[in-house]
């Protein structure tokens, strides 16, 4: 499994509560695609969401978002964890 960081850009801002609901939908959907959404971060006023996900590939990660709530990432990057 590879590690990815995805970025969503939502015009008009976003609420942390709405992102929490979307993340819950990801968790409910991810198993059938072998994906694991690990964490997320939100910049409410800028309308930006960042998701850390383990997946075989970027498309599998986006498939979970698409099916769970329809908010696919605008950008997705392979990343490696550091300290």
Protein backbone atom coordinates (compact mmCIF):
# COMPACT_ATOMS: atom_id res chain seq x y z
CA UNK A 1 0.00 0.00 0.00
CA UNK A 2 1.14 3.50 -0.80
CA UNK A 3 0.49 6.65 1.19
CA UNK A 4 -1.26 9.64 -0.44
CA UNK A 5 -2.26 13.15 0.61
CA UNK A 6 -5.22 14.53 -1.24
CA UNK A 7 -6.42 18.13 -1.38
CA UNK A 8 -9.94 19.43 -1.92
CA UNK A 9 -10.67 23.07 -2.79
CA UNK A 10 -14.27 24.08 -1.98
CA UNK A 11 -15.45 27.55 -2.96
CA UNK A 12 -17.26 29.36 -0.17
CA UNK A 13 -15.66 27.58 2.75
CA UNK A 14 -16.54 24.37 4.55
CA UNK A 15 -17.48 23.38 8.09
CA UNK A 16 -15.57 20.90 10.19
CA UNK A 17 -18.87 19.15 10.94
CA UNK A 18 -19.55 18.58 7.23
CA UNK A 19 -16.04 17.23 6.73
CA UNK A 20 -16.47 14.88 9.70
CA UNK A 21 -19.63 13.48 8.06
CA UNK A 22 -17.82 13.01 4.75
CA UNK A 23 -14.91 11.29 6.53
CA UNK A 24 -17.36 8.93 8.26
CA UNK A 25 -18.82 8.07 4.85
CA UNK A 26 -15.28 7.36 3.58
CA UNK A 27 -14.68 5.01 6.52
CA UNK A 28 -17.96 3.22 5.83
CA UNK A 29 -17.02 2.74 2.14
CA UNK A 30 -13.25 2.17 2.15
CA UNK A 31 -13.19 -1.54 3.04
CA UNK A 32 -14.50 -2.84 -0.24
CA UNK A 33 -11.72 -1.00 -2.10
CA UNK A 34 -8.84 -1.94 0.20
CA UNK A 35 -8.32 1.71 1.11
CA UNK A 36 -7.69 3.20 4.55
CA UNK A 37 -8.43 6.89 5.20
CA UNK A 38 -6.20 7.68 8.17
CA UNK A 39 -6.59 11.38 9.05
CA UNK A 40 -7.88 14.64 7.67
CA UNK A 41 -7.31 18.35 8.23
CA UNK A 42 -9.65 21.25 7.48
CA UNK A 43 -9.14 24.95 6.78
CA UNK A 44 -12.76 26.04 7.13
CA UNK A 45 -12.46 29.63 5.91
CA UNK A 46 -10.30 28.74 2.90
CA UNK A 47 -12.49 25.77 1.99
CA UNK A 48 -9.57 23.35 1.95
CA UNK A 49 -9.57 19.73 3.08
CA UNK A 50 -6.51 17.49 3.27
CA UNK A 51 -6.85 13.70 3.59
CA UNK A 52 -4.14 11.17 4.38
CA UNK A 53 -4.93 7.79 2.87
CA UNK A 54 -3.32 4.41 2.33
CA UNK A 55 -4.28 2.85 -1.00
CA UNK A 56 -2.88 0.77 -3.82
CA UNK A 57 -3.17 3.78 -6.11
CA UNK A 58 -4.63 7.29 -6.29
CA UNK A 59 -7.66 6.18 -8.30
CA UNK A 60 -8.73 3.72 -5.60
CA UNK A 61 -8.62 6.54 -3.05
CA UNK A 62 -10.71 8.79 -5.31
CA UNK A 63 -13.18 5.96 -5.95
CA UNK A 64 -13.95 5.83 -2.24
CA UNK A 65 -14.56 9.60 -2.13
CA UNK A 66 -16.71 9.44 -5.27
CA UNK A 67 -18.90 6.67 -3.93
CA UNK A 68 -19.04 7.86 -0.32
CA UNK A 69 -20.02 11.50 -0.91
CA UNK A 70 -19.03 12.68 -4.38
CA UNK A 71 -16.26 15.06 -3.30
CA UNK A 72 -13.27 13.76 -5.23
CA UNK A 73 -9.89 15.36 -4.62
CA UNK A 74 -8.68 18.20 -6.80
CA UNK A 75 -5.10 17.06 -6.25
CA UNK A 76 -3.54 13.87 -4.91
CA UNK A 77 0.13 13.33 -4.11
CA UNK A 78 2.12 10.24 -3.20
CA UNK A 79 3.87 11.00 0.11
CA UNK A 80 6.20 9.34 2.56
CA UNK A 81 6.05 9.84 6.29
CA UNK A 82 8.84 11.63 8.08
CA UNK A 83 9.40 12.93 11.58
